PDB file of N, CA and C in Angstrom:
ATOM      1  N   MET A   1       0.928  -9.865   9.422  1.00  0.00           N
ATOM      2  CA  MET A   1       0.250 -10.454   8.259  1.00  0.00           C
ATOM      3  C   MET A   1       0.767  -9.618   7.017  1.00  0.00           C
ATOM      4  N   ILE A   2       1.050 -10.407   5.987  1.00  0.00           N
ATOM      5  CA  ILE A   2       1.594  -9.810   4.746  1.00  0.00           C
ATOM      6  C   ILE A   2       0.525  -9.793   3.703  1.00  0.00           C
ATOM      7  N   ILE A   3       0.428  -8.610   3.013  1.00  0.00           N
ATOM      8  CA  ILE A   3      -0.590  -8.395   1.981  1.00  0.00           C
ATOM      9  C   ILE A   3       0.146  -8.479   0.626  1.00  0.00           C
ATOM     10  N   ARG A   4      -0.345  -9.315  -0.265  1.00  0.00           N
ATOM     11  CA  ARG A   4       0.221  -9.346  -1.573  1.00  0.00           C
ATOM     12  C   ARG A   4      -0.663  -9.943  -2.610  1.00  0.00           C
ATOM     13  N   SER A   5      -1.942 -10.130  -2.333  1.00  0.00           N
ATOM     14  CA  SER A   5      -2.897 -10.695  -3.305  1.00  0.00           C
ATOM     15  C   SER A   5      -3.135  -9.770  -4.404  1.00  0.00           C
ATOM     16  N   PHE A   6      -3.441 -10.294  -5.604  1.00  0.00           N
ATOM     17  CA  PHE A   6      -3.828  -9.444  -6.718  1.00  0.00           C
ATOM     18  C   PHE A   6      -5.049  -8.612  -6.411  1.00  0.00           C
ATOM     19  N   ARG A   7      -6.020  -9.185  -5.759  1.00  0.00           N
ATOM     20  CA  ARG A   7      -7.241  -8.427  -5.384  1.00  0.00           C
ATOM     21  C   ARG A   7      -6.926  -7.169  -4.527  1.00  0.00           C
ATOM     22  N   ASP A   8      -6.008  -7.309  -3.611  1.00  0.00           N
ATOM     23  CA  ASP A   8      -5.634  -6.188  -2.742  1.00  0.00           C
ATOM     24  C   ASP A   8      -4.860  -5.082  -3.513  1.00  0.00           C
ATOM     25  N   ILE A   9      -3.990  -5.607  -4.397  1.00  0.00           N
ATOM     26  CA  ILE A   9      -3.204  -4.699  -5.248  1.00  0.00           C
ATOM     27  C   ILE A   9      -4.163  -3.936  -6.096  1.00  0.00           C
ATOM     28  N   SER A  10      -5.003  -4.711  -6.725  1.00  0.00           N
ATOM     29  CA  SER A  10      -6.040  -4.030  -7.708  1.00  0.00           C
ATOM     30  C   SER A  10      -6.902  -2.982  -6.992  1.00  0.00           C
ATOM     31  N   ARG A  11      -7.338  -3.344  -5.728  1.00  0.00           N
ATOM     32  CA  ARG A  11      -8.143  -2.423  -4.973  1.00  0.00           C
ATOM     33  C   ARG A  11      -7.478  -1.098  -4.720  1.00  0.00           C
ATOM     34  N   ILE A  12      -6.238  -1.129  -4.322  1.00  0.00           N
ATOM     35  CA  ILE A  12      -5.456   0.060  -4.072  1.00  0.00           C
ATOM     36  C   ILE A  12      -5.230   0.825  -5.307  1.00  0.00           C
ATOM     37  N   ARG A  13      -4.704   0.108  -6.414  1.00  0.00           N
ATOM     38  CA  ARG A  13      -4.398   0.791  -7.671  1.00  0.00           C
ATOM     39  C   ARG A  13      -5.623   1.523  -8.271  1.00  0.00           C
ATOM     40  N   THR A  14      -6.817   0.780  -8.300  1.00  0.00           N
ATOM     41  CA  THR A  14      -8.044   1.361  -8.877  1.00  0.00           C
ATOM     42  C   THR A  14      -8.450   2.606  -8.052  1.00  0.00           C
ATOM     43  N   ALA A  15      -8.400   2.469  -6.844  1.00  0.00           N
ATOM     44  CA  ALA A  15      -8.894   3.645  -6.005  1.00  0.00           C
ATOM     45  C   ALA A  15      -7.963   4.771  -6.140  1.00  0.00           C
ATOM     46  N   ARG A  16      -6.655   4.552  -6.193  1.00  0.00           N
ATOM     47  CA  ARG A  16      -5.657   5.620  -6.392  1.00  0.00           C
ATOM     48  C   ARG A  16      -5.908   6.351  -7.736  1.00  0.00           C
ATOM     49  N   LEU A  17      -6.104   5.574  -8.812  1.00  0.00           N
ATOM     50  CA  LEU A  17      -6.365   6.177 -10.097  1.00  0.00           C
ATOM     51  C   LEU A  17      -7.651   6.866 -10.194  1.00  0.00           C
ATOM     52  N   ASP A  18      -8.696   6.304  -9.578  1.00  0.00           N
ATOM     53  CA  ASP A  18      -9.975   7.007  -9.523  1.00  0.00           C
ATOM     54  C   ASP A  18      -9.905   8.383  -8.872  1.00  0.00           C
ATOM     55  N   GLN A  19      -9.030   8.485  -7.903  1.00  0.00           N
ATOM     56  CA  GLN A  19      -8.898   9.802  -7.129  1.00  0.00           C
ATOM     57  C   GLN A  19      -7.883  10.737  -7.874  1.00  0.00           C
ATOM     58  N   GLY A  20      -7.266  10.224  -8.911  1.00  0.00           N
ATOM     59  CA  GLY A  20      -6.249  11.015  -9.642  1.00  0.00           C
ATOM     60  C   GLY A  20      -4.949  11.185  -8.905  1.00  0.00           C
ATOM     61  N   LEU A  21      -4.565  10.286  -8.059  1.00  0.00           N
ATOM     62  CA  LEU A  21      -3.314  10.376  -7.279  1.00  0.00           C
ATOM     63  C   LEU A  21      -2.207   9.589  -7.942  1.00  0.00           C
ATOM     64  N   THR A  22      -0.945  10.133  -7.873  1.00  0.00           N
ATOM     65  CA  THR A  22       0.128   9.284  -8.373  1.00  0.00           C
ATOM     66  C   THR A  22       0.616   8.432  -7.217  1.00  0.00           C
ATOM     67  N   CYS A  23       1.474   7.453  -7.456  1.00  0.00           N
ATOM     68  CA  CYS A  23       2.026   6.635  -6.454  1.00  0.00           C
ATOM     69  C   CYS A  23       2.736   7.480  -5.445  1.00  0.00           C
ATOM     70  N   ARG A  24       3.508   8.477  -5.910  1.00  0.00           N
ATOM     71  CA  ARG A  24       4.239   9.326  -5.027  1.00  0.00           C
ATOM     72  C   ARG A  24       3.324  10.155  -4.046  1.00  0.00           C
ATOM     73  N   GLN A  25       2.215  10.711  -4.641  1.00  0.00           N
ATOM     74  CA  GLN A  25       1.337  11.451  -3.821  1.00  0.00           C
ATOM     75  C   GLN A  25       0.682  10.621  -2.739  1.00  0.00           C
ATOM     76  N   LEU A  26       0.235   9.454  -3.113  1.00  0.00           N
ATOM     77  CA  LEU A  26      -0.410   8.593  -2.126  1.00  0.00           C
ATOM     78  C   LEU A  26       0.607   8.122  -1.066  1.00  0.00           C
ATOM     79  N   ALA A  27       1.791   7.746  -1.456  1.00  0.00           N
ATOM     80  CA  ALA A  27       2.734   7.290  -0.555  1.00  0.00           C
ATOM     81  C   ALA A  27       3.145   8.429   0.484  1.00  0.00           C
ATOM     82  N   LEU A  28       3.329   9.622  -0.068  1.00  0.00           N
ATOM     83  CA  LEU A  28       3.684  10.740   0.930  1.00  0.00           C
ATOM     84  C   LEU A  28       2.436  11.044   1.832  1.00  0.00           C
ATOM     85  N   LYS A  29       1.234  10.868   1.380  1.00  0.00           N
ATOM     86  CA  LYS A  29       0.005  11.075   2.181  1.00  0.00           C
ATOM     87  C   LYS A  29       0.073  10.016   3.310  1.00  0.00           C
ATOM     88  N   CYS A  30       0.526   8.787   3.096  1.00  0.00           N
ATOM     89  CA  CYS A  30       0.524   7.819   4.060  1.00  0.00           C
ATOM     90  C   CYS A  30       1.808   7.730   4.947  1.00  0.00           C
ATOM     91  N   GLY A  31       2.795   8.471   4.484  1.00  0.00           N
ATOM     92  CA  GLY A  31       4.078   8.432   5.217  1.00  0.00           C
ATOM     93  C   GLY A  31       4.993   7.250   4.931  1.00  0.00           C
ATOM     94  N   ILE A  32       4.817   6.600   3.736  1.00  0.00           N
ATOM     95  CA  ILE A  32       5.700   5.587   3.341  1.00  0.00           C
ATOM     96  C   ILE A  32       6.500   5.958   2.080  1.00  0.00           C
ATOM     97  N   LYS A  33       7.512   5.206   1.765  1.00  0.00           N
ATOM     98  CA  LYS A  33       8.383   5.534   0.646  1.00  0.00           C
ATOM     99  C   LYS A  33       7.624   5.219  -0.677  1.00  0.00           C
ATOM    100  N   PRO A  34       7.723   6.071  -1.651  1.00  0.00           N
ATOM    101  CA  PRO A  34       7.050   5.914  -2.912  1.00  0.00           C
ATOM    102  C   PRO A  34       7.473   4.546  -3.591  1.00  0.00           C
ATOM    103  N   SER A  35       8.755   4.190  -3.381  1.00  0.00           N
ATOM    104  CA  SER A  35       9.101   2.939  -4.084  1.00  0.00           C
ATOM    105  C   SER A  35       8.529   1.723  -3.435  1.00  0.00           C
ATOM    106  N   THR A  36       8.211   1.770  -2.194  1.00  0.00           N
ATOM    107  CA  THR A  36       7.415   0.737  -1.518  1.00  0.00           C
ATOM    108  C   THR A  36       6.035   0.558  -2.170  1.00  0.00           C
ATOM    109  N   LEU A  37       5.386   1.603  -2.312  1.00  0.00           N
ATOM    110  CA  LEU A  37       4.003   1.496  -2.972  1.00  0.00           C
ATOM    111  C   LEU A  37       4.104   1.089  -4.402  1.00  0.00           C
ATOM    112  N   LEU A  38       5.073   1.602  -5.153  1.00  0.00           N
ATOM    113  CA  LEU A  38       5.248   1.243  -6.551  1.00  0.00           C
ATOM    114  C   LEU A  38       5.590  -0.253  -6.673  1.00  0.00           C
ATOM    115  N   GLU A  39       6.448  -0.779  -5.917  1.00  0.00           N
ATOM    116  CA  GLU A  39       6.816  -2.171  -5.908  1.00  0.00           C
ATOM    117  C   GLU A  39       5.673  -3.067  -5.510  1.00  0.00           C
ATOM    118  N   PHE A  40       4.842  -2.602  -4.575  1.00  0.00           N
ATOM    119  CA  PHE A  40       3.652  -3.326  -4.154  1.00  0.00           C
ATOM    120  C   PHE A  40       2.646  -3.368  -5.341  1.00  0.00           C
ATOM    121  N   GLU A  41       2.412  -2.248  -6.022  1.00  0.00           N
ATOM    122  CA  GLU A  41       1.425  -2.253  -7.108  1.00  0.00           C
ATOM    123  C   GLU A  41       1.911  -3.093  -8.253  1.00  0.00           C
ATOM    124  N   CYS A  42       3.205  -3.193  -8.446  1.00  0.00           N
ATOM    125  CA  CYS A  42       3.767  -4.059  -9.530  1.00  0.00           C
ATOM    126  C   CYS A  42       3.815  -5.518  -9.130  1.00  0.00           C
ATOM    127  N   GLY A  43       3.593  -5.820  -7.895  1.00  0.00           N
ATOM    128  CA  GLY A  43       3.605  -7.232  -7.392  1.00  0.00           C
ATOM    129  C   GLY A  43       4.952  -7.675  -7.055  1.00  0.00           C
ATOM    130  N   TYR A  44       5.921  -6.813  -6.946  1.00  0.00           N
ATOM    131  CA  TYR A  44       7.267  -7.237  -6.558  1.00  0.00           C
ATOM    132  C   TYR A  44       7.481  -7.401  -5.140  1.00  0.00           C
ATOM    133  N   ARG A  45       6.718  -6.673  -4.291  1.00  0.00           N
ATOM    134  CA  ARG A  45       7.040  -6.590  -2.887  1.00  0.00           C
ATOM    135  C   ARG A  45       5.680  -6.642  -2.077  1.00  0.00           C
ATOM    136  N   PRO A  46       5.594  -7.457  -1.086  1.00  0.00           N
ATOM    137  CA  PRO A  46       4.374  -7.479  -0.231  1.00  0.00           C
ATOM    138  C   PRO A  46       4.518  -6.304   0.769  1.00  0.00           C
ATOM    139  N   ILE A  47       3.363  -5.895   1.365  1.00  0.00           N
ATOM    140  CA  ILE A  47       3.366  -4.911   2.464  1.00  0.00           C
ATOM    141  C   ILE A  47       2.777  -5.474   3.686  1.00  0.00           C
ATOM    142  N   CYS A  48       2.992  -4.873   4.790  1.00  0.00           N
ATOM    143  CA  CYS A  48       2.394  -5.401   6.020  1.00  0.00           C
ATOM    144  C   CYS A  48       0.950  -4.829   6.144  1.00  0.00           C
ATOM    145  N   ALA A  49       0.161  -5.512   6.953  1.00  0.00           N
ATOM    146  CA  ALA A  49      -1.231  -5.128   7.161  1.00  0.00           C
ATOM    147  C   ALA A  49      -1.414  -3.737   7.592  1.00  0.00           C
ATOM    148  N   ASN A  50      -0.460  -3.204   8.466  1.00  0.00           N
ATOM    149  CA  ASN A  50      -0.594  -1.795   8.963  1.00  0.00           C
ATOM    150  C   ASN A  50      -0.505  -0.857   7.797  1.00  0.00           C
ATOM    151  N   THR A  51       0.474  -1.064   6.913  1.00  0.00           N
ATOM    152  CA  THR A  51       0.660  -0.190   5.746  1.00  0.00           C
ATOM    153  C   THR A  51      -0.553  -0.242   4.873  1.00  0.00           C
ATOM    154  N   TYR A  52      -1.070  -1.450   4.673  1.00  0.00           N
ATOM    155  CA  TYR A  52      -2.283  -1.650   3.866  1.00  0.00           C
ATOM    156  C   TYR A  52      -3.457  -0.864   4.391  1.00  0.00           C
ATOM    157  N   HIS A  53      -3.658  -0.851   5.750  1.00  0.00           N
ATOM    158  CA  HIS A  53      -4.738  -0.112   6.310  1.00  0.00           C
ATOM    159  C   HIS A  53      -4.494   1.398   6.212  1.00  0.00           C
ATOM    160  N   LEU A  54      -3.191   1.816   6.258  1.00  0.00           N
ATOM    161  CA  LEU A  54      -2.871   3.266   6.075  1.00  0.00           C
ATOM    162  C   LEU A  54      -3.379   3.661   4.704  1.00  0.00           C
ATOM    163  N   LEU A  55      -3.028   2.828   3.681  1.00  0.00           N
ATOM    164  CA  LEU A  55      -3.430   3.142   2.329  1.00  0.00           C
ATOM    165  C   LEU A  55      -4.951   3.158   2.212  1.00  0.00           C
ATOM    166  N   LEU A  56      -5.664   2.231   2.735  1.00  0.00           N
ATOM    167  CA  LEU A  56      -7.121   2.173   2.676  1.00  0.00           C
ATOM    168  C   LEU A  56      -7.752   3.458   3.293  1.00  0.00           C
ATOM    169  N   ASN A  57      -7.162   3.896   4.474  1.00  0.00           N
ATOM    170  CA  ASN A  57      -7.650   5.026   5.153  1.00  0.00           C
ATOM    171  C   ASN A  57      -7.401   6.318   4.326  1.00  0.00           C
ATOM    172  N   ALA A  58      -6.264   6.418   3.671  1.00  0.00           N
ATOM    173  CA  ALA A  58      -5.897   7.562   2.882  1.00  0.00           C
ATOM    174  C   ALA A  58      -6.765   7.633   1.637  1.00  0.00           C
ATOM    175  N   LEU A  59      -7.268   6.536   1.176  1.00  0.00           N
ATOM    176  CA  LEU A  59      -8.167   6.453  -0.049  1.00  0.00           C
ATOM    177  C   LEU A  59      -9.636   6.456   0.370  1.00  0.00           C
ATOM    178  N   ASN A  60      -9.908   6.559   1.661  1.00  0.00           N
ATOM    179  CA  ASN A  60     -11.262   6.621   2.112  1.00  0.00           C
ATOM    180  C   ASN A  60     -12.059   5.279   1.750  1.00  0.00           C
ATOM    181  N   LEU A  61     -11.374   4.181   1.933  1.00  0.00           N
ATOM    182  CA  LEU A  61     -12.051   2.865   1.641  1.00  0.00           C
ATOM    183  C   LEU A  61     -12.342   2.127   2.948  1.00  0.00           C
TER     184      LEU A  61
END
C-alpha cells in the first residue's frame, strides 16, 4: 500500500513540528533516508505503509 494523501502528510509534518524534530532527526530515528522523508512531506514521493507506520510509532501516534 502506498501512502501519499495530504491528510497523511499533514499528520506526520504536524506531529514532527510539535515535537521539535527536524526531518533529518525523525528520519534517522526511523532508519530511513532524510531525503525520503523530505520528499514525502513535500508531496513529491509516496512512501510504503511500513515506513508510514515506522514514522507514526516514532512520533508516538
